[in-house]
Amino acid sequence: MNEQIDYVEFPSGDRAATSAFFMAAFGWDMTSYGPDYDGLNGAGIDGGIDQGAGRVAATMVIVRSDDLDDAERRVIAAGGVITRAQFDFPGGRRFHFREPGGNEMAVWISRD
């Protein structure tokens, strides 16, 4: 096992306002990936602001893995519930799950 917290994703009903807030309050830069997603730069951890229709309801921590299938098996065996099956996105593949305490999280693997 070599998983680490790698990314944090903020859902937003107004991506532009959330991005502007983070830039003004903390001096973070943004990279736009289209009308529904901005990437955080300079925040100390990679992250993004998601305005898309399928966004999660609360801030989501994303864990990076070297073996997505194995990580998914371990998440399920430990009591996690898959909330979104594995899917491709620009740069990789991931799945979402809810841990027993109720937090939604994701595990991803890079397309390297």
C-alpha atoms as a PDB file:
ATOM      1  CA  MET A   1       0.000   0.000   0.000  1.00  0.00           C
ATOM      2  CA  ASN A   2       1.344   3.360  -1.000  1.00  0.00           C
ATOM      3  CA  GLU A   3      -1.715   5.614  -0.934  1.00  0.00           C
ATOM      4  CA  GLN A   4      -1.486   9.247   0.156  1.00  0.00           C
ATOM      5  CA  ILE A   5      -3.854  12.198   0.257  1.00  0.00           C
ATOM      6  CA  ASP A   6      -3.076  13.939  -2.995  1.00  0.00           C
ATOM      7  CA  TYR A   7      -5.954  16.260  -3.900  1.00  0.00           C
ATOM      8  CA  VAL A   8      -8.914  18.107  -2.420  1.00  0.00           C
ATOM      9  CA  GLU A   9     -11.979  19.025  -4.458  1.00  0.00           C
ATOM     10  CA  PHE A  10     -14.369  21.823  -3.519  1.00  0.00           C
ATOM     11  CA  PRO A  11     -17.895  21.691  -4.939  1.00  0.00           C
ATOM     12  CA  SER A  12     -19.279  25.109  -5.847  1.00  0.00           C
ATOM     13  CA  GLY A  13     -22.524  26.543  -7.122  1.00  0.00           C
ATOM     14  CA  ASP A  14     -20.463  29.436  -8.515  1.00  0.00           C
ATOM     15  CA  ARG A  15     -16.989  28.332  -9.607  1.00  0.00           C
ATOM     16  CA  ALA A  16     -15.927  31.851 -10.614  1.00  0.00           C
ATOM     17  CA  ALA A  17     -16.885  33.317  -7.219  1.00  0.00           C
ATOM     18  CA  THR A  18     -15.192  30.497  -5.290  1.00  0.00           C
ATOM     19  CA  SER A  19     -12.022  30.856  -7.381  1.00  0.00           C
ATOM     20  CA  ALA A  20     -12.035  34.644  -6.934  1.00  0.00           C
ATOM     21  CA  PHE A  21     -12.458  34.200  -3.184  1.00  0.00           C
ATOM     22  CA  PHE A  22      -9.505  31.822  -2.870  1.00  0.00           C
ATOM     23  CA  MET A  23      -7.334  34.102  -5.016  1.00  0.00           C
ATOM     24  CA  ALA A  24      -8.216  37.211  -2.964  1.00  0.00           C
ATOM     25  CA  ALA A  25      -8.163  35.591   0.478  1.00  0.00           C
ATOM     26  CA  PHE A  26      -5.127  33.331   0.090  1.00  0.00           C
ATOM     27  CA  GLY A  27      -3.280  34.392  -3.064  1.00  0.00           C
ATOM     28  CA  TRP A  28      -3.796  31.052  -4.802  1.00  0.00           C
ATOM     29  CA  ASP A  29      -3.735  30.922  -8.592  1.00  0.00           C
ATOM     30  CA  MET A  30      -6.233  29.045 -10.737  1.00  0.00           C
ATOM     31  CA  THR A  31      -5.998  27.086 -13.966  1.00  0.00           C
ATOM     32  CA  SER A  32      -9.281  26.893 -15.871  1.00  0.00           C
ATOM     33  CA  TYR A  33     -10.228  23.499 -17.272  1.00  0.00           C
ATOM     34  CA  GLY A  34     -13.430  24.702 -18.886  1.00  0.00           C
ATOM     35  CA  PRO A  35     -16.612  26.356 -17.669  1.00  0.00           C
ATOM     36  CA  ASP A  36     -17.151  23.984 -14.728  1.00  0.00           C
ATOM     37  CA  TYR A  37     -13.705  23.311 -13.260  1.00  0.00           C
ATOM     38  CA  ASP A  38     -10.706  25.286 -11.999  1.00  0.00           C
ATOM     39  CA  GLY A  39      -7.501  23.773 -10.661  1.00  0.00           C
ATOM     40  CA  LEU A  40      -5.832  25.244  -7.564  1.00  0.00           C
ATOM     41  CA  ASN A  41      -2.186  26.319  -7.745  1.00  0.00           C
ATOM     42  CA  GLY A  42      -0.046  27.297  -4.760  1.00  0.00           C
ATOM     43  CA  ALA A  43      -2.426  25.963  -2.097  1.00  0.00           C
ATOM     44  CA  GLY A  44       0.069  23.499  -0.591  1.00  0.00           C
ATOM     45  CA  ILE A  45      -1.853  20.532  -2.014  1.00  0.00           C
ATOM     46  CA  ASP A  46      -3.330  20.032  -5.457  1.00  0.00           C
ATOM     47  CA  GLY A  47      -7.024  20.693  -5.691  1.00  0.00           C
ATOM     48  CA  GLY A  48      -9.896  21.962  -7.729  1.00  0.00           C
ATOM     49  CA  ILE A  49     -13.220  23.744  -7.735  1.00  0.00           C
ATOM     50  CA  ASP A  50     -16.023  21.786  -9.377  1.00  0.00           C
ATOM     51  CA  GLN A  51     -19.216  23.440 -10.604  1.00  0.00           C
ATOM     52  CA  GLY A  52     -20.294  20.487 -12.766  1.00  0.00           C
ATOM     53  CA  ALA A  53     -23.733  18.935 -12.503  1.00  0.00           C
ATOM     54  CA  GLY A  54     -22.276  15.702 -11.063  1.00  0.00           C
ATOM     55  CA  ARG A  55     -20.212  17.393  -8.348  1.00  0.00           C
ATOM     56  CA  VAL A  56     -20.175  16.004  -4.834  1.00  0.00           C
ATOM     57  CA  ALA A  57     -22.150  17.747  -2.083  1.00  0.00           C
ATOM     58  CA  ALA A  58     -19.221  18.423   0.271  1.00  0.00           C
ATOM     59  CA  THR A  59     -15.480  18.965   0.044  1.00  0.00           C
ATOM     60  CA  MET A  60     -13.878  15.676  -0.988  1.00  0.00           C
ATOM     61  CA  VAL A  61     -10.405  14.364  -0.185  1.00  0.00           C
ATOM     62  CA  ILE A  62      -8.830  12.342  -2.998  1.00  0.00           C
ATOM     63  CA  VAL A  63      -6.200   9.670  -2.392  1.00  0.00           C
ATOM     64  CA  ARG A  64      -3.634   8.687  -5.035  1.00  0.00           C
ATOM     65  CA  SER A  65      -2.898   5.010  -5.582  1.00  0.00           C
ATOM     66  CA  ASP A  66      -0.608   2.868  -7.721  1.00  0.00           C
ATOM     67  CA  ASP A  67      -3.264   0.140  -8.164  1.00  0.00           C
ATOM     68  CA  LEU A  68      -6.853   1.343  -8.461  1.00  0.00           C
ATOM     69  CA  ASP A  69      -8.455  -2.113  -8.538  1.00  0.00           C
ATOM     70  CA  ASP A  70      -6.585  -3.256  -5.429  1.00  0.00           C
ATOM     71  CA  ALA A  71      -7.432  -0.019  -3.597  1.00  0.00           C
ATOM     72  CA  GLU A  72     -11.106  -0.493  -4.483  1.00  0.00           C
ATOM     73  CA  ARG A  73     -11.074  -4.053  -3.111  1.00  0.00           C
ATOM     74  CA  ARG A  74      -9.483  -2.856   0.133  1.00  0.00           C
ATOM     75  CA  VAL A  75     -11.961   0.037   0.486  1.00  0.00           C
ATOM     76  CA  ILE A  76     -14.883  -2.378   0.146  1.00  0.00           C
ATOM     77  CA  ALA A  77     -13.295  -4.951   2.498  1.00  0.00           C
ATOM     78  CA  ALA A  78     -12.792  -2.229   5.120  1.00  0.00           C
ATOM     79  CA  GLY A  79     -16.478  -1.265   5.004  1.00  0.00           C
ATOM     80  CA  GLY A  80     -16.471   1.493   2.379  1.00  0.00           C
ATOM     81  CA  VAL A  81     -19.425   1.812   0.002  1.00  0.00           C
ATOM     82  CA  ILE A  82     -18.779   2.675  -3.644  1.00  0.00           C
ATOM     83  CA  THR A  83     -20.807   5.762  -4.600  1.00  0.00           C
ATOM     84  CA  ARG A  84     -19.447   6.196  -8.134  1.00  0.00           C
ATOM     85  CA  ALA A  85     -17.889   3.365 -10.117  1.00  0.00           C
ATOM     86  CA  GLN A  86     -14.466   3.752 -11.717  1.00  0.00           C
ATOM     87  CA  PHE A  87     -14.448   6.357 -14.478  1.00  0.00           C
ATOM     88  CA  ASP A  88     -11.913   8.100 -16.698  1.00  0.00           C
ATOM     89  CA  PHE A  89     -11.185  11.814 -16.453  1.00  0.00           C
ATOM     90  CA  PRO A  90      -8.453  13.975 -18.004  1.00  0.00           C
ATOM     91  CA  GLY A  91      -5.216  12.700 -16.468  1.00  0.00           C
ATOM     92  CA  GLY A  92      -6.420   9.486 -14.896  1.00  0.00           C
ATOM     93  CA  ARG A  93      -9.100   7.195 -13.565  1.00  0.00           C
ATOM     94  CA  ARG A  94     -10.896   7.207 -10.201  1.00  0.00           C
ATOM     95  CA  PHE A  95     -13.801   5.945  -8.109  1.00  0.00           C
ATOM     96  CA  HIS A  96     -15.755   7.546  -5.262  1.00  0.00           C
ATOM     97  CA  PHE A  97     -16.732   5.904  -1.994  1.00  0.00           C
ATOM     98  CA  ARG A  98     -18.241   6.676   1.384  1.00  0.00           C
ATOM     99  CA  GLU A  99     -16.278   5.610   4.439  1.00  0.00           C
ATOM    100  CA  PRO A 100     -18.238   4.215   7.446  1.00  0.00           C
ATOM    101  CA  GLY A 101     -18.406   7.645   9.147  1.00  0.00           C
ATOM    102  CA  GLY A 102     -20.156   9.176   6.129  1.00  0.00           C
ATOM    103  CA  ASN A 103     -17.404  11.124   4.366  1.00  0.00           C
ATOM    104  CA  GLU A 104     -17.322  10.807   0.593  1.00  0.00           C
ATOM    105  CA  MET A 105     -13.809  10.344  -0.749  1.00  0.00           C
ATOM    106  CA  ALA A 106     -12.155   9.207  -3.967  1.00  0.00           C
ATOM    107  CA  VAL A 107      -9.135   7.168  -5.025  1.00  0.00           C
ATOM    108  CA  TRP A 108      -7.388   7.912  -8.306  1.00  0.00           C
ATOM    109  CA  ILE A 109      -4.570   6.648 -10.462  1.00  0.00           C
ATOM    110  CA  SER A 110      -2.585   8.662 -12.983  1.00  0.00           C
ATOM    111  CA  ARG A 111      -2.463   7.844 -16.675  1.00  0.00           C
ATOM    112  CA  ASP A 112       1.332   8.269 -16.676  1.00  0.00           C
END
